[in-house]
N, C-alpha and C. Protein backbone atom coordinates (compact mmCIF):
# COMPACT_ATOMS: atom_id res chain seq x y z
N MET A 1 63.73 98.65 121.47
CA MET A 1 64.46 97.45 121.75
C MET A 1 63.50 96.31 122.06
N ASP A 2 62.49 96.58 122.85
CA ASP A 2 61.54 95.52 123.18
C ASP A 2 60.80 95.02 121.94
N ALA A 3 60.47 95.92 121.03
CA ALA A 3 59.76 95.51 119.82
C ALA A 3 60.60 94.53 119.02
N VAL A 4 61.87 94.81 118.86
CA VAL A 4 62.75 93.90 118.13
C VAL A 4 62.92 92.60 118.91
N LYS A 5 63.14 92.71 120.20
CA LYS A 5 63.36 91.54 121.04
C LYS A 5 62.19 90.57 120.99
N TYR A 6 60.97 91.11 120.95
CA TYR A 6 59.79 90.25 121.01
C TYR A 6 59.17 89.98 119.65
N GLY A 7 59.94 90.19 118.56
CA GLY A 7 59.53 89.68 117.27
C GLY A 7 58.99 90.64 116.24
N ALA A 8 58.89 91.94 116.54
CA ALA A 8 58.45 92.88 115.51
C ALA A 8 59.51 92.95 114.42
N ALA A 9 59.07 92.99 113.18
CA ALA A 9 60.01 92.99 112.05
C ALA A 9 60.30 94.41 111.59
N PHE A 10 61.57 94.73 111.48
CA PHE A 10 62.02 96.01 110.97
C PHE A 10 63.04 95.75 109.88
N ASP A 11 62.96 96.50 108.78
CA ASP A 11 63.97 96.40 107.74
C ASP A 11 65.24 97.14 108.15
N VAL A 12 65.05 98.33 108.76
CA VAL A 12 66.17 99.19 109.12
C VAL A 12 65.91 99.84 110.47
N VAL A 13 66.96 99.95 111.27
CA VAL A 13 66.91 100.68 112.53
C VAL A 13 68.04 101.71 112.48
N VAL A 14 67.73 102.96 112.84
CA VAL A 14 68.74 104.01 112.93
C VAL A 14 68.99 104.29 114.40
N LEU A 15 70.23 104.15 114.83
CA LEU A 15 70.60 104.35 116.23
C LEU A 15 71.63 105.46 116.35
N ASP A 16 71.49 106.26 117.40
CA ASP A 16 72.54 107.21 117.75
C ASP A 16 73.56 106.45 118.57
N VAL A 17 74.79 106.84 118.51
CA VAL A 17 75.82 106.19 119.31
C VAL A 17 75.62 106.51 120.79
N LYS A 18 75.30 107.77 121.10
CA LYS A 18 75.10 108.18 122.49
C LYS A 18 73.61 108.25 122.77
N MET A 19 73.14 107.33 123.62
CA MET A 19 71.74 107.29 124.02
C MET A 19 71.70 107.08 125.53
N PRO A 20 70.63 107.54 126.17
CA PRO A 20 70.52 107.28 127.62
C PRO A 20 70.34 105.80 127.89
N GLY A 21 70.93 105.32 128.94
CA GLY A 21 70.82 103.90 129.27
C GLY A 21 71.82 103.09 128.46
N LEU A 22 71.32 102.33 127.51
CA LEU A 22 72.14 101.47 126.66
C LEU A 22 72.71 102.29 125.51
N ASP A 23 74.04 102.29 125.34
CA ASP A 23 74.60 103.06 124.23
C ASP A 23 74.30 102.38 122.90
N GLY A 24 74.41 103.12 121.82
CA GLY A 24 74.02 102.63 120.50
C GLY A 24 74.79 101.41 120.03
N VAL A 25 76.08 101.33 120.32
CA VAL A 25 76.86 100.18 119.88
C VAL A 25 76.40 98.92 120.62
N ALA A 26 76.11 99.03 121.91
CA ALA A 26 75.59 97.89 122.66
C ALA A 26 74.21 97.50 122.15
N ALA A 27 73.36 98.49 121.86
CA ALA A 27 72.02 98.22 121.31
C ALA A 27 72.14 97.51 119.96
N LEU A 28 73.08 97.93 119.15
CA LEU A 28 73.33 97.28 117.86
C LEU A 28 73.61 95.80 118.06
N GLY A 29 74.47 95.47 119.00
CA GLY A 29 74.79 94.07 119.27
C GLY A 29 73.57 93.26 119.65
N GLU A 30 72.69 93.84 120.48
CA GLU A 30 71.47 93.14 120.88
C GLU A 30 70.52 92.97 119.69
N ILE A 31 70.35 94.01 118.90
CA ILE A 31 69.46 93.92 117.73
C ILE A 31 69.95 92.85 116.77
N LYS A 32 71.24 92.80 116.51
CA LYS A 32 71.78 91.80 115.59
C LYS A 32 71.63 90.39 116.15
N LYS A 33 71.66 90.25 117.48
CA LYS A 33 71.47 88.94 118.10
C LYS A 33 70.01 88.49 117.93
N TRP A 34 69.06 89.40 118.13
CA TRP A 34 67.63 89.06 118.06
C TRP A 34 67.11 89.01 116.63
N ALA A 35 67.63 89.89 115.77
CA ALA A 35 67.12 90.01 114.39
C ALA A 35 68.28 90.24 113.44
N PRO A 36 69.03 89.20 113.13
CA PRO A 36 70.26 89.38 112.34
C PRO A 36 70.06 89.96 110.95
N ASP A 37 68.86 89.84 110.38
CA ASP A 37 68.61 90.38 109.04
C ASP A 37 68.23 91.86 109.05
N THR A 38 67.99 92.43 110.22
CA THR A 38 67.67 93.85 110.32
C THR A 38 68.94 94.66 110.12
N GLU A 39 68.90 95.59 109.18
CA GLU A 39 70.06 96.47 108.96
C GLU A 39 70.04 97.58 109.99
N VAL A 40 71.20 97.94 110.51
CA VAL A 40 71.31 98.99 111.52
C VAL A 40 72.29 100.04 111.02
N ILE A 41 71.81 101.28 111.00
CA ILE A 41 72.65 102.42 110.61
C ILE A 41 72.95 103.21 111.88
N MET A 42 74.22 103.44 112.13
CA MET A 42 74.64 104.22 113.29
C MET A 42 74.80 105.68 112.86
N LEU A 43 74.33 106.57 113.71
CA LEU A 43 74.37 108.01 113.44
C LEU A 43 74.92 108.69 114.68
N THR A 44 75.91 109.57 114.51
CA THR A 44 76.50 110.20 115.68
C THR A 44 77.05 111.59 115.39
N GLY A 45 77.02 112.40 116.39
CA GLY A 45 77.70 113.68 116.37
C GLY A 45 79.00 113.61 117.15
N HIS A 46 79.31 112.42 117.66
CA HIS A 46 80.49 112.21 118.49
C HIS A 46 81.30 111.03 117.94
N ALA A 47 81.65 111.09 116.68
CA ALA A 47 82.33 109.98 116.02
C ALA A 47 83.74 109.80 116.56
N THR A 48 84.08 108.53 116.78
CA THR A 48 85.46 108.17 117.11
C THR A 48 85.82 106.95 116.28
N LEU A 49 87.08 106.76 116.06
CA LEU A 49 87.54 105.58 115.34
C LEU A 49 87.12 104.31 116.08
N GLU A 50 87.20 104.35 117.40
CA GLU A 50 86.85 103.18 118.21
C GLU A 50 85.37 102.81 118.07
N SER A 51 84.47 103.79 118.21
CA SER A 51 83.05 103.46 118.12
C SER A 51 82.67 103.05 116.69
N GLY A 52 83.28 103.65 115.71
CA GLY A 52 83.02 103.26 114.33
C GLY A 52 83.48 101.84 114.04
N THR A 53 84.66 101.50 114.53
CA THR A 53 85.19 100.15 114.35
C THR A 53 84.33 99.12 115.07
N GLN A 54 83.93 99.43 116.30
CA GLN A 54 83.07 98.51 117.06
C GLN A 54 81.74 98.30 116.35
N ALA A 55 81.16 99.38 115.86
CA ALA A 55 79.86 99.29 115.18
C ALA A 55 79.96 98.42 113.93
N MET A 56 80.97 98.62 113.14
CA MET A 56 81.11 97.84 111.91
C MET A 56 81.39 96.37 112.22
N ARG A 57 82.16 96.11 113.25
CA ARG A 57 82.43 94.72 113.64
C ARG A 57 81.18 94.01 114.15
N LYS A 58 80.27 94.78 114.77
CA LYS A 58 79.03 94.19 115.28
C LYS A 58 77.95 94.09 114.21
N GLY A 59 78.27 94.55 113.01
CA GLY A 59 77.34 94.35 111.90
C GLY A 59 76.57 95.56 111.43
N ALA A 60 77.00 96.76 111.80
CA ALA A 60 76.32 97.97 111.32
C ALA A 60 76.41 98.04 109.79
N TYR A 61 75.33 98.46 109.18
CA TYR A 61 75.31 98.63 107.73
C TYR A 61 76.16 99.84 107.34
N ASP A 62 76.06 100.90 108.15
CA ASP A 62 76.85 102.11 107.88
C ASP A 62 77.00 102.89 109.18
N TYR A 63 77.93 103.81 109.19
CA TYR A 63 78.25 104.66 110.34
C TYR A 63 78.33 106.08 109.81
N LEU A 64 77.35 106.89 110.16
CA LEU A 64 77.25 108.25 109.62
C LEU A 64 77.50 109.29 110.70
N MET A 65 78.14 110.38 110.29
CA MET A 65 78.40 111.48 111.22
C MET A 65 77.42 112.61 110.97
N LYS A 66 76.90 113.20 112.06
CA LYS A 66 76.02 114.35 111.98
C LYS A 66 76.87 115.59 111.68
N PRO A 67 76.37 116.56 110.99
CA PRO A 67 75.08 116.55 110.30
C PRO A 67 75.16 115.71 109.01
N VAL A 68 74.08 115.08 108.67
CA VAL A 68 74.00 114.27 107.47
C VAL A 68 73.32 115.08 106.39
N THR A 69 73.92 115.14 105.23
CA THR A 69 73.33 115.82 104.09
C THR A 69 72.62 114.79 103.23
N LEU A 70 71.32 114.96 103.10
CA LEU A 70 70.56 114.03 102.27
C LEU A 70 70.50 114.56 100.85
N LYS A 71 70.76 113.70 99.91
CA LYS A 71 70.72 114.09 98.50
C LYS A 71 69.42 113.58 97.90
N THR A 72 68.80 114.42 97.11
CA THR A 72 67.61 113.98 96.38
C THR A 72 67.99 113.84 94.92
N TRP A 73 67.44 112.89 94.28
CA TRP A 73 67.81 112.61 92.89
C TRP A 73 66.87 113.24 91.94
């Protein structure tokens, strides 16, 4: 969070919804305030309609549920 706040450039940030201290949806809001062009992907094992809706409204690029299956081409 401090890196984004103080100007480090990131193309993408992956956040868990449940984190110690600041939850992922709140962190998303701060990141979008400091670096609006940074894409944020939310990842969770505790998906709810409410947290998904909040994340998308705050500008999340996507909201993924664990486990995530990665496809290789």
